[in-house]
Amino acid sequence: MFCIALGMTSCLEEPKVHLLQIDKEYIDSIFSHSIDSLKGDIDSLCIIQRNELFDALVDSIKQKRLEEIQSIFNEK
């Protein structure tokens, strides 16, 4: 019975929430503060990943071009 009751209530529509302007401003300030506090960490992670990925991608492109050049020489 519990499973049936739980299943029936999960199909109900969620009530719409109406926020006051002060609530919206409060939520916005919390969001802005969270973004500001994470910005430095995110930026440093992006720089680290960029350096690692850039080197790997350049090596991959160089390897592909060398294979293409080698295949041209092998055809002749």
PDB file of N, CA and C in Angstrom:
ATOM      1  N   MET A   1       0.818  -1.194   0.000  1.00  0.00           N
ATOM      2  CA  MET A   1       0.000   0.000   0.000  1.00  0.00           C
ATOM      3  C   MET A   1       0.863   1.260   0.000  1.00  0.00           C
ATOM      4  N   PHE A   2       1.971   1.184   0.747  1.00  0.00           N
ATOM      5  CA  PHE A   2       2.854   2.350   0.829  1.00  0.00           C
ATOM      6  C   PHE A   2       3.420   2.692  -0.548  1.00  0.00           C
ATOM      7  N   CYS A   3       3.820   1.678  -1.306  1.00  0.00           N
ATOM      8  CA  CYS A   3       4.378   1.898  -2.645  1.00  0.00           C
ATOM      9  C   CYS A   3       3.339   2.506  -3.575  1.00  0.00           C
ATOM     10  N   ILE A   4       2.125   2.072  -3.463  1.00  0.00           N
ATOM     11  CA  ILE A   4       1.053   2.614  -4.304  1.00  0.00           C
ATOM     12  C   ILE A   4       0.808   4.078  -3.952  1.00  0.00           C
ATOM     13  N   ALA A   5       0.761   4.381  -2.661  1.00  0.00           N
ATOM     14  CA  ALA A   5       0.535   5.766  -2.230  1.00  0.00           C
ATOM     15  C   ALA A   5       1.692   6.652  -2.670  1.00  0.00           C
ATOM     16  N   LEU A   6       2.906   6.150  -2.556  1.00  0.00           N
ATOM     17  CA  LEU A   6       4.073   6.918  -2.971  1.00  0.00           C
ATOM     18  C   LEU A   6       4.046   7.143  -4.481  1.00  0.00           C
ATOM     19  N   GLY A   7       3.682   6.128  -5.216  1.00  0.00           N
ATOM     20  CA  GLY A   7       3.598   6.246  -6.673  1.00  0.00           C
ATOM     21  C   GLY A   7       2.535   7.232  -7.108  1.00  0.00           C
ATOM     22  N   MET A   8       1.423   7.275  -6.410  1.00  0.00           N
ATOM     23  CA  MET A   8       0.336   8.190  -6.769  1.00  0.00           C
ATOM     24  C   MET A   8       0.730   9.639  -6.481  1.00  0.00           C
ATOM     25  N   THR A   9       1.443   9.858  -5.392  1.00  0.00           N
ATOM     26  CA  THR A   9       1.812  11.236  -5.056  1.00  0.00           C
ATOM     27  C   THR A   9       2.938  11.757  -5.935  1.00  0.00           C
ATOM     28  N   SER A  10       3.731  10.872  -6.516  1.00  0.00           N
ATOM     29  CA  SER A  10       4.815  11.334  -7.364  1.00  0.00           C
ATOM     30  C   SER A  10       4.296  11.854  -8.702  1.00  0.00           C
ATOM     31  N   CYS A  11       3.075  11.542  -9.049  1.00  0.00           N
ATOM     32  CA  CYS A  11       2.502  11.982 -10.312  1.00  0.00           C
ATOM     33  C   CYS A  11       1.811  13.331 -10.188  1.00  0.00           C
ATOM     34  N   LEU A  12       1.677  13.833  -8.990  1.00  0.00           N
ATOM     35  CA  LEU A  12       0.998  15.106  -8.798  1.00  0.00           C
ATOM     36  C   LEU A  12       1.882  16.244  -9.289  1.00  0.00           C
ATOM     37  N   GLU A  13       1.228  17.296  -9.742  1.00  0.00           N
ATOM     38  CA  GLU A  13       1.936  18.463 -10.228  1.00  0.00           C
ATOM     39  C   GLU A  13       2.473  19.274  -9.055  1.00  0.00           C
ATOM     40  N   GLU A  14       3.706  19.766  -9.211  1.00  0.00           N
ATOM     41  CA  GLU A  14       4.291  20.564  -8.148  1.00  0.00           C
ATOM     42  C   GLU A  14       3.602  21.929  -8.103  1.00  0.00           C
ATOM     43  N   PRO A  15       3.361  22.450  -6.902  1.00  0.00           N
ATOM     44  CA  PRO A  15       2.723  23.760  -6.814  1.00  0.00           C
ATOM     45  C   PRO A  15       3.668  24.847  -7.327  1.00  0.00           C
ATOM     46  N   LYS A  16       3.106  25.865  -7.952  1.00  0.00           N
ATOM     47  CA  LYS A  16       3.905  26.975  -8.458  1.00  0.00           C
ATOM     48  C   LYS A  16       4.287  27.874  -7.293  1.00  0.00           C
ATOM     49  N   VAL A  17       5.525  28.293  -7.297  1.00  0.00           N
ATOM     50  CA  VAL A  17       6.029  29.149  -6.233  1.00  0.00           C
ATOM     51  C   VAL A  17       6.092  30.577  -6.748  1.00  0.00           C
ATOM     52  N   HIS A  18       5.519  31.480  -5.997  1.00  0.00           N
ATOM     53  CA  HIS A  18       5.557  32.898  -6.353  1.00  0.00           C
ATOM     54  C   HIS A  18       6.469  33.600  -5.359  1.00  0.00           C
ATOM     55  N   LEU A  19       7.574  34.133  -5.867  1.00  0.00           N
ATOM     56  CA  LEU A  19       8.540  34.791  -5.009  1.00  0.00           C
ATOM     57  C   LEU A  19       8.301  36.290  -4.985  1.00  0.00           C
ATOM     58  N   LEU A  20       8.544  36.867  -3.842  1.00  0.00           N
ATOM     59  CA  LEU A  20       8.490  38.314  -3.719  1.00  0.00           C
ATOM     60  C   LEU A  20       9.785  38.899  -4.275  1.00  0.00           C
ATOM     61  N   GLN A  21       9.779  40.168  -4.576  1.00  0.00           N
ATOM     62  CA  GLN A  21      10.967  40.822  -5.116  1.00  0.00           C
ATOM     63  C   GLN A  21      12.143  40.714  -4.152  1.00  0.00           C
ATOM     64  N   ILE A  22      11.891  40.843  -2.884  1.00  0.00           N
ATOM     65  CA  ILE A  22      12.974  40.748  -1.892  1.00  0.00           C
ATOM     66  C   ILE A  22      13.572  39.351  -1.875  1.00  0.00           C
ATOM     67  N   ASP A  23      12.734  38.327  -2.085  1.00  0.00           N
ATOM     68  CA  ASP A  23      13.230  36.949  -2.164  1.00  0.00           C
ATOM     69  C   ASP A  23      14.124  36.778  -3.386  1.00  0.00           C
ATOM     70  N   LYS A  24      13.719  37.350  -4.510  1.00  0.00           N
ATOM     71  CA  LYS A  24      14.506  37.252  -5.742  1.00  0.00           C
ATOM     72  C   LYS A  24      15.857  37.944  -5.575  1.00  0.00           C
ATOM     73  N   GLU A  25      15.853  39.097  -4.922  1.00  0.00           N
ATOM     74  CA  GLU A  25      17.100  39.819  -4.695  1.00  0.00           C
ATOM     75  C   GLU A  25      18.026  39.029  -3.765  1.00  0.00           C
ATOM     76  N   TYR A  26      17.461  38.408  -2.762  1.00  0.00           N
ATOM     77  CA  TYR A  26      18.242  37.599  -1.819  1.00  0.00           C
ATOM     78  C   TYR A  26      18.869  36.406  -2.530  1.00  0.00           C
ATOM     79  N   ILE A  27      18.086  35.721  -3.337  1.00  0.00           N
ATOM     80  CA  ILE A  27      18.589  34.571  -4.093  1.00  0.00           C
ATOM     81  C   ILE A  27      19.676  35.015  -5.059  1.00  0.00           C
ATOM     82  N   ASP A  28      19.471  36.149  -5.720  1.00  0.00           N
ATOM     83  CA  ASP A  28      20.460  36.672  -6.650  1.00  0.00           C
ATOM     84  C   ASP A  28      21.764  37.016  -5.937  1.00  0.00           C
ATOM     85  N   SER A  29      21.669  37.592  -4.746  1.00  0.00           N
ATOM     86  CA  SER A  29      22.889  37.940  -4.013  1.00  0.00           C
ATOM     87  C   SER A  29      23.640  36.685  -3.571  1.00  0.00           C
ATOM     88  N   ILE A  30      22.926  35.658  -3.172  1.00  0.00           N
ATOM     89  CA  ILE A  30      23.571  34.387  -2.796  1.00  0.00           C
ATOM     90  C   ILE A  30      24.280  33.787  -4.012  1.00  0.00           C
ATOM     91  N   PHE A  31      23.614  33.799  -5.149  1.00  0.00           N
ATOM     92  CA  PHE A  31      24.192  33.269  -6.375  1.00  0.00           C
ATOM     93  C   PHE A  31      25.443  34.052  -6.772  1.00  0.00           C
ATOM     94  N   SER A  32      25.355  35.368  -6.736  1.00  0.00           N
ATOM     95  CA  SER A  32      26.494  36.210  -7.109  1.00  0.00           C
ATOM     96  C   SER A  32      27.676  35.971  -6.173  1.00  0.00           C
ATOM     97  N   HIS A  33      27.408  35.856  -4.893  1.00  0.00           N
ATOM     98  CA  HIS A  33      28.472  35.603  -3.927  1.00  0.00           C
ATOM     99  C   HIS A  33      29.118  34.247  -4.201  1.00  0.00           C
ATOM    100  N   SER A  34      28.322  33.249  -4.524  1.00  0.00           N
ATOM    101  CA  SER A  34      28.854  31.916  -4.817  1.00  0.00           C
ATOM    102  C   SER A  34      29.731  31.943  -6.059  1.00  0.00           C
ATOM    103  N   ILE A  35      29.292  32.641  -7.079  1.00  0.00           N
ATOM    104  CA  ILE A  35      30.065  32.735  -8.319  1.00  0.00           C
ATOM    105  C   ILE A  35      31.384  33.449  -8.068  1.00  0.00           C
ATOM    106  N   ASP A  36      31.335  34.543  -7.322  1.00  0.00           N
ATOM    107  CA  ASP A  36      32.555  35.303  -7.040  1.00  0.00           C
ATOM    108  C   ASP A  36      33.563  34.470  -6.253  1.00  0.00           C
ATOM    109  N   SER A  37      33.082  33.683  -5.309  1.00  0.00           N
ATOM    110  CA  SER A  37      33.998  32.889  -4.496  1.00  0.00           C
ATOM    111  C   SER A  37      34.602  31.727  -5.283  1.00  0.00           C
ATOM    112  N   LEU A  38      33.930  31.252  -6.317  1.00  0.00           N
ATOM    113  CA  LEU A  38      34.434  30.125  -7.113  1.00  0.00           C
ATOM    114  C   LEU A  38      35.226  30.562  -8.337  1.00  0.00           C
ATOM    115  N   LYS A  39      35.113  31.828  -8.716  1.00  0.00           N
ATOM    116  CA  LYS A  39      35.721  32.301  -9.957  1.00  0.00           C
ATOM    117  C   LYS A  39      37.222  32.048 -10.017  1.00  0.00           C
ATOM    118  N   GLY A  40      37.948  32.327  -8.946  1.00  0.00           N
ATOM    119  CA  GLY A  40      39.396  32.105  -8.938  1.00  0.00           C
ATOM    120  C   GLY A  40      39.756  30.645  -9.115  1.00  0.00           C
ATOM    121  N   ASP A  41      39.031  29.774  -8.419  1.00  0.00           N
ATOM    122  CA  ASP A  41      39.297  28.335  -8.541  1.00  0.00           C
ATOM    123  C   ASP A  41      39.024  27.834  -9.952  1.00  0.00           C
ATOM    124  N   ILE A  42      37.914  28.265 -10.504  1.00  0.00           N
ATOM    125  CA  ILE A  42      37.537  27.828 -11.853  1.00  0.00           C
ATOM    126  C   ILE A  42      38.543  28.332 -12.881  1.00  0.00           C
ATOM    127  N   ASP A  43      38.951  29.586 -12.757  1.00  0.00           N
ATOM    128  CA  ASP A  43      39.920  30.144 -13.697  1.00  0.00           C
ATOM    129  C   ASP A  43      41.248  29.380 -13.646  1.00  0.00           C
ATOM    130  N   SER A  44      41.716  29.060 -12.446  1.00  0.00           N
ATOM    131  CA  SER A  44      42.990  28.341 -12.345  1.00  0.00           C
ATOM    132  C   SER A  44      42.871  26.934 -12.918  1.00  0.00           C
ATOM    133  N   LEU A  45      41.736  26.280 -12.712  1.00  0.00           N
ATOM    134  CA  LEU A  45      41.537  24.951 -13.297  1.00  0.00           C
ATOM    135  C   LEU A  45      41.511  25.018 -14.817  1.00  0.00           C
ATOM    136  N   CYS A  46      40.892  26.051 -15.355  1.00  0.00           N
ATOM    137  CA  CYS A  46      40.836  26.209 -16.812  1.00  0.00           C
ATOM    138  C   CYS A  46      42.231  26.407 -17.398  1.00  0.00           C
ATOM    139  N   ILE A  47      43.058  27.196 -16.712  1.00  0.00           N
ATOM    140  CA  ILE A  47      44.413  27.432 -17.201  1.00  0.00           C
ATOM    141  C   ILE A  47      45.218  26.138 -17.180  1.00  0.00           C
ATOM    142  N   ILE A  48      45.110  25.381 -16.101  1.00  0.00           N
ATOM    143  CA  ILE A  48      45.837  24.109 -16.004  1.00  0.00           C
ATOM    144  C   ILE A  48      45.381  23.146 -17.097  1.00  0.00           C
ATOM    145  N   GLN A  49      44.070  23.006 -17.266  1.00  0.00           N
ATOM    146  CA  GLN A  49      43.558  22.086 -18.282  1.00  0.00           C
ATOM    147  C   GLN A  49      43.918  22.552 -19.678  1.00  0.00           C
ATOM    148  N   ARG A  50      43.904  23.854 -19.910  1.00  0.00           N
ATOM    149  CA  ARG A  50      44.245  24.376 -21.229  1.00  0.00           C
ATOM    150  C   ARG A  50      45.681  24.009 -21.577  1.00  0.00           C
ATOM    151  N   ASN A  51      46.586  24.195 -20.630  1.00  0.00           N
ATOM    152  CA  ASN A  51      47.987  23.878 -20.898  1.00  0.00           C
ATOM    153  C   ASN A  51      48.178  22.392 -21.189  1.00  0.00           C
ATOM    154  N   GLU A  52      47.537  21.550 -20.421  1.00  0.00           N
ATOM    155  CA  GLU A  52      47.654  20.105 -20.637  1.00  0.00           C
ATOM    156  C   GLU A  52      47.025  19.691 -21.966  1.00  0.00           C
ATOM    157  N   LEU A  53      45.831  20.174 -22.235  1.00  0.00           N
ATOM    158  CA  LEU A  53      45.140  19.801 -23.467  1.00  0.00           C
ATOM    159  C   LEU A  53      45.822  20.372 -24.695  1.00  0.00           C
ATOM    160  N   PHE A  54      46.317  21.589 -24.601  1.00  0.00           N
ATOM    161  CA  PHE A  54      46.959  22.224 -25.744  1.00  0.00           C
ATOM    162  C   PHE A  54      48.167  21.412 -26.198  1.00  0.00           C
ATOM    163  N   ASP A  55      49.015  21.038 -25.255  1.00  0.00           N
ATOM    164  CA  ASP A  55      50.192  20.246 -25.610  1.00  0.00           C
ATOM    165  C   ASP A  55      49.796  18.914 -26.258  1.00  0.00           C
ATOM    166  N   ALA A  56      48.796  18.259 -25.690  1.00  0.00           N
ATOM    167  CA  ALA A  56      48.360  16.972 -26.242  1.00  0.00           C
ATOM    168  C   ALA A  56      47.767  17.140 -27.635  1.00  0.00           C
ATOM    169  N   LEU A  57      47.003  18.192 -27.834  1.00  0.00           N
ATOM    170  CA  LEU A  57      46.391  18.416 -29.145  1.00  0.00           C
ATOM    171  C   LEU A  57      47.429  18.769 -30.201  1.00  0.00           C
ATOM    172  N   VAL A  58      48.398  19.589 -29.835  1.00  0.00           N
ATOM    173  CA  VAL A  58      49.461  19.933 -30.784  1.00  0.00           C
ATOM    174  C   VAL A  58      50.244  18.684 -31.165  1.00  0.00           C
ATOM    175  N   ASP A  59      50.577  17.864 -30.189  1.00  0.00           N
ATOM    176  CA  ASP A  59      51.297  16.615 -30.484  1.00  0.00           C
ATOM    177  C   ASP A  59      50.487  15.718 -31.414  1.00  0.00           C
ATOM    178  N   SER A  60      49.174  15.652 -31.180  1.00  0.00           N
ATOM    179  CA  SER A  60      48.308  14.823 -32.006  1.00  0.00           C
ATOM    180  C   SER A  60      48.253  15.338 -33.443  1.00  0.00           C
ATOM    181  N   ILE A  61      48.149  16.632 -33.605  1.00  0.00           N
ATOM    182  CA  ILE A  61      48.102  17.226 -34.949  1.00  0.00           C
ATOM    183  C   ILE A  61      49.440  17.011 -35.655  1.00  0.00           C
ATOM    184  N   LYS A  62      50.538  17.213 -34.941  1.00  0.00           N
ATOM    185  CA  LYS A  62      51.862  16.996 -35.541  1.00  0.00           C
ATOM    186  C   LYS A  62      52.026  15.553 -35.983  1.00  0.00           C
ATOM    187  N   GLN A  63      51.581  14.624 -35.154  1.00  0.00           N
ATOM    188  CA  GLN A  63      51.687  13.203 -35.498  1.00  0.00           C
ATOM    189  C   GLN A  63      50.863  12.886 -36.741  1.00  0.00           C
ATOM    190  N   LYS A  64      49.665  13.427 -36.817  1.00  0.00           N
ATOM    191  CA  LYS A  64      48.792  13.193 -37.971  1.00  0.00           C
ATOM    192  C   LYS A  64      49.428  13.743 -39.246  1.00  0.00           C
ATOM    193  N   ARG A  65      49.975  14.945 -39.178  1.00  0.00           N
ATOM    194  CA  ARG A  65      50.618  15.547 -40.359  1.00  0.00           C
ATOM    195  C   ARG A  65      51.860  14.756 -40.777  1.00  0.00           C
ATOM    196  N   LEU A  66      52.644  14.284 -39.814  1.00  0.00           N
ATOM    197  CA  LEU A  66      53.807  13.470 -40.155  1.00  0.00           C
ATOM    198  C   LEU A  66      53.391  12.172 -40.841  1.00  0.00           C
ATOM    199  N   GLU A  67      52.315  11.575 -40.381  1.00  0.00           N
ATOM    200  CA  GLU A  67      51.805  10.357 -41.030  1.00  0.00           C
ATOM    201  C   GLU A  67      51.364  10.655 -42.458  1.00  0.00           C
ATOM    202  N   GLU A  68      50.717  11.815 -42.667  1.00  0.00           N
ATOM    203  CA  GLU A  68      50.289  12.192 -44.014  1.00  0.00           C
ATOM    204  C   GLU A  68      51.493  12.413 -44.923  1.00  0.00           C
ATOM    205  N   ILE A  69      52.516  13.077 -44.421  1.00  0.00           N
ATOM    206  CA  ILE A  69      53.731  13.312 -45.211  1.00  0.00           C
ATOM    207  C   ILE A  69      54.403  11.980 -45.542  1.00  0.00           C
ATOM    208  N   GLN A  70      54.491  11.108 -44.561  1.00  0.00           N
ATOM    209  CA  GLN A  70      55.110   9.791 -44.779  1.00  0.00           C
ATOM    210  C   GLN A  70      54.338   8.988 -45.818  1.00  0.00           C
ATOM    211  N   SER A  71      53.012   9.062 -45.769  1.00  0.00           N
ATOM    212  CA  SER A  71      52.209   8.319 -46.760  1.00  0.00           C
ATOM    213  C   SER A  71      52.409   8.878 -48.165  1.00  0.00           C
ATOM    214  N   ILE A  72      52.643  10.192 -48.294  1.00  0.00           N
ATOM    215  CA  ILE A  72      52.912  10.792 -49.601  1.00  0.00           C
ATOM    216  C   ILE A  72      54.238  10.289 -50.142  1.00  0.00           C
ATOM    217  N   PHE A  73      55.262  10.230 -49.292  1.00  0.00           N
ATOM    218  CA  PHE A  73      56.587   9.741 -49.720  1.00  0.00           C
ATOM    219  C   PHE A  73      56.526   8.250 -50.058  1.00  0.00           C
ATOM    220  N   ASN A  74      55.715   7.493 -49.363  1.00  0.00           N
ATOM    221  CA  ASN A  74      55.609   6.055 -49.633  1.00  0.00           C
ATOM    222  C   ASN A  74      54.893   5.769 -50.941  1.00  0.00           C
ATOM    223  N   GLU A  75      54.040   6.682 -51.384  1.00  0.00           N
ATOM    224  CA  GLU A  75      53.308   6.486 -52.647  1.00  0.00           C
ATOM    225  C   GLU A  75      54.228   6.637 -53.849  1.00  0.00           C
ATOM    226  N   LYS A  76      55.295   7.424 -53.718  1.00  0.00           N
ATOM    227  CA  LYS A  76      56.171   7.694 -54.863  1.00  0.00           C
ATOM    228  C   LYS A  76      57.207   6.634 -55.066  1.00  0.00           C
TER     229      LYS A  76
END
